[in-house]
Amino acid sequence: MKRIGILIALIALVVWLGSSRHVVQASALAAARPALAGQAGETSPYYVCEGRMCAEQSGCGVSQCGSDQDCGACDPYQRDECIYGRQWDWDDWSCTCSPPQCDPAGEQECAAQWGTWDSSNCYCDNPCNPRQAQILTSWQTDPYFIDCIDCGVGLFETSGGETWVQYCQDGRLWDDWESSYQNYYQDWSWNCFNWWWCWWLE
């Protein structure tokens, strides 16, 4: 009887130990669940900011960015519009688009050409671009007798002039001026054909 009692006690102890192990396992799982819940939002791979670049990282983690702009980088569309669209100066650090620094000589040349200077694009709009000059009017005097230089030959003078104009390509008057000349020549003249003049020359 004594052995039977010991056997029953051993069987009861084994049953109790088995049930205690299940309780410990259940408690461990219950404690692990909050830890797993705290990792929500993790992805593999994940992304973090490195400077102004959103860089991919291997393993599991929570992403800090989805694009370079989340890390302070400039919008590439705004950059292209500034450089290629407006042809302005782009600052990659501040992500700002500014008018270019124009050459003062270009602005002065534009004013000399009667153009309109666009400082935002350093461009001269509607310059004159003068066309070839043309004669507007001309005049000439009749021959004027000056003196005799030989028997029957006299010295004559004529004078004349022209008025010139030059227009811009859009029709604006660019310039106008006058030119004049004097011409001397010899020719037959009755004023120099008389007996006294011809006798004296002989």
C-alpha atoms as a PDB file:
ATOM      1  CA  MET A   1       0.000   0.000   0.000  1.00  0.00           C
ATOM      2  CA  LYS A   2       2.802   2.296   0.778  1.00  0.00           C
ATOM      3  CA  ARG A   3       4.249   1.886  -2.753  1.00  0.00           C
ATOM      4  CA  ILE A   4       0.872   2.551  -4.321  1.00  0.00           C
ATOM      5  CA  GLY A   5       0.620   5.799  -2.374  1.00  0.00           C
ATOM      6  CA  ILE A   6       4.071   6.901  -3.539  1.00  0.00           C
ATOM      7  CA  LEU A   7       3.164   6.109  -7.176  1.00  0.00           C
ATOM      8  CA  ILE A   8      -0.021   8.180  -6.981  1.00  0.00           C
ATOM      9  CA  ALA A   9       1.949  11.103  -5.530  1.00  0.00           C
ATOM     10  CA  LEU A  10       4.487  10.953  -8.372  1.00  0.00           C
ATOM     11  CA  ILE A  11       1.729  10.942 -11.015  1.00  0.00           C
ATOM     12  CA  ALA A  12       0.094  13.984  -9.373  1.00  0.00           C
ATOM     13  CA  LEU A  13       3.426  15.837  -9.350  1.00  0.00           C
ATOM     14  CA  VAL A  14       4.000  15.208 -13.074  1.00  0.00           C
ATOM     15  CA  VAL A  15       0.515  16.477 -13.919  1.00  0.00           C
ATOM     16  CA  TRP A  16       1.059  19.622 -11.852  1.00  0.00           C
ATOM     17  CA  LEU A  17       4.439  20.366 -13.460  1.00  0.00           C
ATOM     18  CA  GLY A  18       2.955  20.006 -16.961  1.00  0.00           C
ATOM     19  CA  SER A  19       0.157  22.433 -16.248  1.00  0.00           C
ATOM     20  CA  SER A  20       2.633  24.965 -14.755  1.00  0.00           C
ATOM     21  CA  ARG A  21       4.797  24.894 -17.925  1.00  0.00           C
ATOM     22  CA  HIS A  22       1.801  25.815 -20.098  1.00  0.00           C
ATOM     23  CA  VAL A  23       1.044  28.711 -17.789  1.00  0.00           C
ATOM     24  CA  VAL A  24       4.628  30.002 -18.035  1.00  0.00           C
ATOM     25  CA  GLN A  25       4.555  29.757 -21.873  1.00  0.00           C
ATOM     26  CA  ALA A  26       1.244  31.600 -22.026  1.00  0.00           C
ATOM     27  CA  SER A  27       2.601  34.327 -19.779  1.00  0.00           C
ATOM     28  CA  ALA A  28       5.715  34.679 -21.993  1.00  0.00           C
ATOM     29  CA  LEU A  29       3.606  35.055 -25.140  1.00  0.00           C
ATOM     30  CA  ALA A  30       1.393  37.600 -23.442  1.00  0.00           C
ATOM     31  CA  ALA A  31       4.456  39.612 -22.474  1.00  0.00           C
ATOM     32  CA  ALA A  32       5.864  39.426 -26.032  1.00  0.00           C
ATOM     33  CA  ARG A  33       2.711  40.713 -27.714  1.00  0.00           C
ATOM     34  CA  PRO A  34       3.118  44.362 -26.585  1.00  0.00           C
ATOM     35  CA  ALA A  35       6.706  44.330 -27.851  1.00  0.00           C
ATOM     36  CA  LEU A  36       5.591  43.153 -31.316  1.00  0.00           C
ATOM     37  CA  ALA A  37       2.839  45.757 -31.400  1.00  0.00           C
ATOM     38  CA  GLY A  38       5.447  48.489 -30.767  1.00  0.00           C
ATOM     39  CA  GLN A  39       7.192  47.711 -34.126  1.00  0.00           C
ATOM     40  CA  ALA A  40       4.184  48.647 -36.252  1.00  0.00           C
ATOM     41  CA  GLY A  41       5.097  50.697 -39.353  1.00  0.00           C
ATOM     42  CA  GLU A  42       8.386  48.944 -39.994  1.00  0.00           C
ATOM     43  CA  THR A  43       9.257  48.012 -43.574  1.00  0.00           C
ATOM     44  CA  SER A  44      12.124  46.246 -45.248  1.00  0.00           C
ATOM     45  CA  PRO A  45      13.938  48.045 -46.712  1.00  0.00           C
ATOM     46  CA  TYR A  46      13.330  51.386 -45.006  1.00  0.00           C
ATOM     47  CA  TYR A  47      14.453  54.965 -45.840  1.00  0.00           C
ATOM     48  CA  VAL A  48      16.217  57.647 -43.818  1.00  0.00           C
ATOM     49  CA  CYS A  49      17.591  61.122 -44.629  1.00  0.00           C
ATOM     50  CA  GLU A  50      21.304  61.332 -45.328  1.00  0.00           C
ATOM     51  CA  GLY A  51      21.976  65.006 -45.801  1.00  0.00           C
ATOM     52  CA  ARG A  52      19.386  66.154 -48.337  1.00  0.00           C
ATOM     53  CA  MET A  53      18.976  62.707 -49.865  1.00  0.00           C
ATOM     54  CA  CYS A  54      16.445  60.011 -48.967  1.00  0.00           C
ATOM     55  CA  ALA A  55      18.625  56.875 -48.807  1.00  0.00           C
ATOM     56  CA  GLU A  56      17.535  53.233 -48.761  1.00  0.00           C
ATOM     57  CA  GLN A  57      18.601  51.130 -45.768  1.00  0.00           C
ATOM     58  CA  SER A  58      18.686  47.338 -45.605  1.00  0.00           C
ATOM     59  CA  GLY A  59      16.880  45.420 -42.883  1.00  0.00           C
ATOM     60  CA  CYS A  60      13.737  46.432 -41.016  1.00  0.00           C
ATOM     61  CA  GLY A  61      12.991  49.916 -39.773  1.00  0.00           C
ATOM     62  CA  VAL A  62      10.605  52.854 -39.827  1.00  0.00           C
ATOM     63  CA  SER A  63      11.039  55.152 -42.862  1.00  0.00           C
ATOM     64  CA  GLN A  64      11.741  58.855 -42.233  1.00  0.00           C
ATOM     65  CA  CYS A  65      11.220  60.021 -45.825  1.00  0.00           C
ATOM     66  CA  GLY A  66       9.609  59.156 -49.108  1.00  0.00           C
ATOM     67  CA  SER A  67      11.548  61.477 -51.417  1.00  0.00           C
ATOM     68  CA  ASP A  68      14.558  63.781 -51.407  1.00  0.00           C
ATOM     69  CA  GLN A  69      12.241  66.750 -50.853  1.00  0.00           C
ATOM     70  CA  ASP A  70      11.308  65.298 -47.446  1.00  0.00           C
ATOM     71  CA  CYS A  71      14.981  65.773 -46.560  1.00  0.00           C
ATOM     72  CA  GLY A  72      15.124  69.408 -47.687  1.00  0.00           C
ATOM     73  CA  ALA A  73      16.083  68.869 -51.346  1.00  0.00           C
ATOM     74  CA  CYS A  74      14.753  71.233 -54.023  1.00  0.00           C
ATOM     75  CA  ASP A  75      11.862  70.458 -56.326  1.00  0.00           C
ATOM     76  CA  PRO A  76      13.415  69.325 -59.639  1.00  0.00           C
ATOM     77  CA  TYR A  77      10.463  70.668 -61.622  1.00  0.00           C
ATOM     78  CA  GLN A  78      10.905  74.152 -60.138  1.00  0.00           C
ATOM     79  CA  ARG A  79      14.633  73.965 -60.854  1.00  0.00           C
ATOM     80  CA  ASP A  80      14.119  73.049 -64.522  1.00  0.00           C
ATOM     81  CA  GLU A  81      11.479  75.749 -64.947  1.00  0.00           C
ATOM     82  CA  CYS A  82      13.879  78.358 -63.523  1.00  0.00           C
ATOM     83  CA  ILE A  83      16.922  77.327 -65.566  1.00  0.00           C
ATOM     84  CA  TYR A  84      15.412  76.211 -68.867  1.00  0.00           C
ATOM     85  CA  GLY A  85      12.041  77.921 -68.816  1.00  0.00           C
ATOM     86  CA  ARG A  86      12.752  81.392 -67.431  1.00  0.00           C
ATOM     87  CA  GLN A  87      16.530  81.189 -67.979  1.00  0.00           C
ATOM     88  CA  TRP A  88      17.181  82.642 -64.541  1.00  0.00           C
ATOM     89  CA  ASP A  89      19.771  81.740 -61.883  1.00  0.00           C
ATOM     90  CA  TRP A  90      18.914  78.811 -59.585  1.00  0.00           C
ATOM     91  CA  ASP A  91      20.294  78.420 -56.045  1.00  0.00           C
ATOM     92  CA  ASP A  92      20.369  74.736 -55.029  1.00  0.00           C
ATOM     93  CA  TRP A  93      20.916  75.572 -51.367  1.00  0.00           C
ATOM     94  CA  SER A  94      17.977  77.915 -50.819  1.00  0.00           C
ATOM     95  CA  CYS A  95      15.871  76.532 -53.709  1.00  0.00           C
ATOM     96  CA  THR A  96      15.237  80.045 -55.010  1.00  0.00           C
ATOM     97  CA  CYS A  97      15.049  81.386 -58.561  1.00  0.00           C
ATOM     98  CA  SER A  98      16.540  84.851 -59.109  1.00  0.00           C
ATOM     99  CA  PRO A  99      16.961  87.165 -62.131  1.00  0.00           C
ATOM    100  CA  PRO A 100      20.410  86.901 -63.718  1.00  0.00           C
ATOM    101  CA  GLN A 101      23.089  89.544 -63.229  1.00  0.00           C
ATOM    102  CA  CYS A 102      23.083  91.492 -66.491  1.00  0.00           C
ATOM    103  CA  ASP A 103      26.102  92.991 -68.238  1.00  0.00           C
ATOM    104  CA  PRO A 104      25.946  96.821 -67.882  1.00  0.00           C
ATOM    105  CA  ALA A 105      27.515  97.162 -71.335  1.00  0.00           C
ATOM    106  CA  GLY A 106      24.582  95.284 -72.846  1.00  0.00           C
ATOM    107  CA  GLU A 107      22.107  97.649 -71.221  1.00  0.00           C
ATOM    108  CA  GLN A 108      24.007 100.687 -72.508  1.00  0.00           C
ATOM    109  CA  GLU A 109      24.155  99.253 -76.008  1.00  0.00           C
ATOM    110  CA  CYS A 110      20.411  98.605 -75.890  1.00  0.00           C
ATOM    111  CA  ALA A 111      19.768 102.241 -74.938  1.00  0.00           C
ATOM    112  CA  ALA A 112      22.016 103.401 -77.775  1.00  0.00           C
ATOM    113  CA  GLN A 113      19.950 101.261 -80.150  1.00  0.00           C
ATOM    114  CA  TRP A 114      16.699 102.794 -78.831  1.00  0.00           C
ATOM    115  CA  GLY A 115      15.609  99.421 -77.448  1.00  0.00           C
ATOM    116  CA  THR A 116      13.741  98.523 -74.265  1.00  0.00           C
ATOM    117  CA  TRP A 117      15.957  96.712 -71.746  1.00  0.00           C
ATOM    118  CA  ASP A 118      14.462  93.694 -69.944  1.00  0.00           C
ATOM    119  CA  SER A 119      16.553  93.343 -66.786  1.00  0.00           C
ATOM    120  CA  SER A 120      14.810  90.119 -65.756  1.00  0.00           C
ATOM    121  CA  ASN A 121      16.138  88.300 -68.825  1.00  0.00           C
ATOM    122  CA  CYS A 122      19.048  90.583 -69.846  1.00  0.00           C
ATOM    123  CA  TYR A 123      17.372  91.073 -73.201  1.00  0.00           C
ATOM    124  CA  CYS A 124      17.071  94.107 -75.468  1.00  0.00           C
ATOM    125  CA  ASP A 125      13.588  94.306 -76.925  1.00  0.00           C
ATOM    126  CA  ASN A 126      12.802  96.184 -80.141  1.00  0.00           C
ATOM    127  CA  PRO A 127      16.199  97.716 -80.963  1.00  0.00           C
ATOM    128  CA  CYS A 128      16.376 100.004 -83.958  1.00  0.00           C
ATOM    129  CA  ASN A 129      18.539  97.911 -86.309  1.00  0.00           C
ATOM    130  CA  PRO A 130      18.901 100.813 -88.779  1.00  0.00           C
ATOM    131  CA  ARG A 131      18.472 100.107 -92.472  1.00  0.00           C
ATOM    132  CA  GLN A 132      20.665 101.422 -95.248  1.00  0.00           C
ATOM    133  CA  ALA A 133      20.595 105.199 -95.629  1.00  0.00           C
ATOM    134  CA  GLN A 134      18.793 106.663 -98.627  1.00  0.00           C
ATOM    135  CA  ILE A 135      18.634 110.040-100.379  1.00  0.00           C
ATOM    136  CA  LEU A 136      15.508 112.006 -99.580  1.00  0.00           C
ATOM    137  CA  THR A 137      16.144 115.134-101.702  1.00  0.00           C
ATOM    138  CA  SER A 138      18.972 116.545-103.828  1.00  0.00           C
ATOM    139  CA  TRP A 139      19.758 119.944-105.389  1.00  0.00           C
ATOM    140  CA  GLN A 140      22.323 121.492-107.724  1.00  0.00           C
ATOM    141  CA  THR A 141      23.020 125.100-108.816  1.00  0.00           C
ATOM    142  CA  ASP A 142      23.481 126.314-112.351  1.00  0.00           C
ATOM    143  CA  PRO A 143      27.078 126.816-113.545  1.00  0.00           C
ATOM    144  CA  TYR A 144      28.605 130.016-112.250  1.00  0.00           C
ATOM    145  CA  PHE A 145      31.285 131.779-114.293  1.00  0.00           C
ATOM    146  CA  ILE A 146      34.325 132.711-112.218  1.00  0.00           C
ATOM    147  CA  ASP A 147      37.065 133.942-114.573  1.00  0.00           C
ATOM    148  CA  CYS A 148      38.789 133.416-117.899  1.00  0.00           C
ATOM    149  CA  ILE A 149      41.797 131.143-118.018  1.00  0.00           C
ATOM    150  CA  ASP A 150      42.425 131.114-121.757  1.00  0.00           C
ATOM    151  CA  CYS A 151      41.140 132.498-124.978  1.00  0.00           C
ATOM    152  CA  GLY A 152      37.545 131.314-125.133  1.00  0.00           C
ATOM    153  CA  VAL A 153      37.940 129.155-122.021  1.00  0.00           C
ATOM    154  CA  GLY A 154      36.519 130.064-118.645  1.00  0.00           C
ATOM    155  CA  LEU A 155      36.483 128.615-115.123  1.00  0.00           C
ATOM    156  CA  PHE A 156      33.071 127.623-113.834  1.00  0.00           C
ATOM    157  CA  GLU A 157      31.669 126.491-110.500  1.00  0.00           C
ATOM    158  CA  THR A 158      28.668 124.391-109.615  1.00  0.00           C
ATOM    159  CA  SER A 159      27.454 123.353-106.152  1.00  0.00           C
ATOM    160  CA  GLY A 160      24.864 120.941-104.847  1.00  0.00           C
ATOM    161  CA  GLY A 161      23.826 118.771-101.989  1.00  0.00           C
ATOM    162  CA  GLU A 162      21.700 115.871-100.769  1.00  0.00           C
ATOM    163  CA  THR A 163      19.474 115.186 -97.785  1.00  0.00           C
ATOM    164  CA  TRP A 164      19.912 111.690 -96.367  1.00  0.00           C
ATOM    165  CA  VAL A 165      17.609 109.728 -94.068  1.00  0.00           C
ATOM    166  CA  GLN A 166      17.988 106.411 -92.254  1.00  0.00           C
ATOM    167  CA  TYR A 167      15.097 104.490 -90.734  1.00  0.00           C
ATOM    168  CA  CYS A 168      14.863 101.691 -88.188  1.00  0.00           C
ATOM    169  CA  GLN A 169      13.459  98.347 -89.216  1.00  0.00           C
ATOM    170  CA  ASP A 170      10.098  99.302 -87.666  1.00  0.00           C
ATOM    171  CA  GLY A 171       9.926 102.648 -89.498  1.00  0.00           C
ATOM    172  CA  ARG A 172      11.255 104.953 -86.794  1.00  0.00           C
ATOM    173  CA  LEU A 173      13.562 107.699 -88.021  1.00  0.00           C
ATOM    174  CA  TRP A 174      17.066 106.818 -86.881  1.00  0.00           C
ATOM    175  CA  ASP A 175      19.087 109.682 -88.396  1.00  0.00           C
ATOM    176  CA  ASP A 176      19.079 112.388 -91.068  1.00  0.00           C
ATOM    177  CA  TRP A 177      21.810 114.679 -92.404  1.00  0.00           C
ATOM    178  CA  GLU A 178      22.839 116.800 -95.368  1.00  0.00           C
ATOM    179  CA  SER A 179      25.887 116.599 -97.604  1.00  0.00           C
ATOM    180  CA  SER A 180      27.102 119.289 -99.982  1.00  0.00           C
ATOM    181  CA  TYR A 181      29.798 119.681-102.625  1.00  0.00           C
ATOM    182  CA  GLN A 182      31.418 122.263-104.894  1.00  0.00           C
ATOM    183  CA  ASN A 183      32.672 121.432-108.370  1.00  0.00           C
ATOM    184  CA  TYR A 184      35.077 123.521-110.517  1.00  0.00           C
ATOM    185  CA  TYR A 185      35.617 122.884-114.204  1.00  0.00           C
ATOM    186  CA  GLN A 186      36.755 124.532-117.432  1.00  0.00           C
ATOM    187  CA  ASP A 187      34.499 125.173-120.382  1.00  0.00           C
ATOM    188  CA  TRP A 188      34.051 127.333-123.470  1.00  0.00           C
ATOM    189  CA  SER A 189      32.815 130.796-122.701  1.00  0.00           C
ATOM    190  CA  TRP A 190      32.023 133.790-124.872  1.00  0.00           C
ATOM    191  CA  ASN A 191      33.010 135.909-121.933  1.00  0.00           C
ATOM    192  CA  CYS A 192      36.597 134.937-122.618  1.00  0.00           C
ATOM    193  CA  PHE A 193      36.478 135.414-126.402  1.00  0.00           C
ATOM    194  CA  ASN A 194      37.260 138.987-127.328  1.00  0.00           C
ATOM    195  CA  TRP A 195      40.068 140.632-129.244  1.00  0.00           C
ATOM    196  CA  TRP A 196      41.666 142.163-126.194  1.00  0.00           C
ATOM    197  CA  TRP A 197      41.777 138.970-124.136  1.00  0.00           C
ATOM    198  CA  CYS A 198      42.959 136.721-126.952  1.00  0.00           C
ATOM    199  CA  TRP A 199      45.579 139.328-128.136  1.00  0.00           C
ATOM    200  CA  TRP A 200      46.963 139.677-124.640  1.00  0.00           C
ATOM    201  CA  LEU A 201      47.349 135.908-124.247  1.00  0.00           C
ATOM    202  CA  GLU A 202      49.263 135.728-127.510  1.00  0.00           C
END
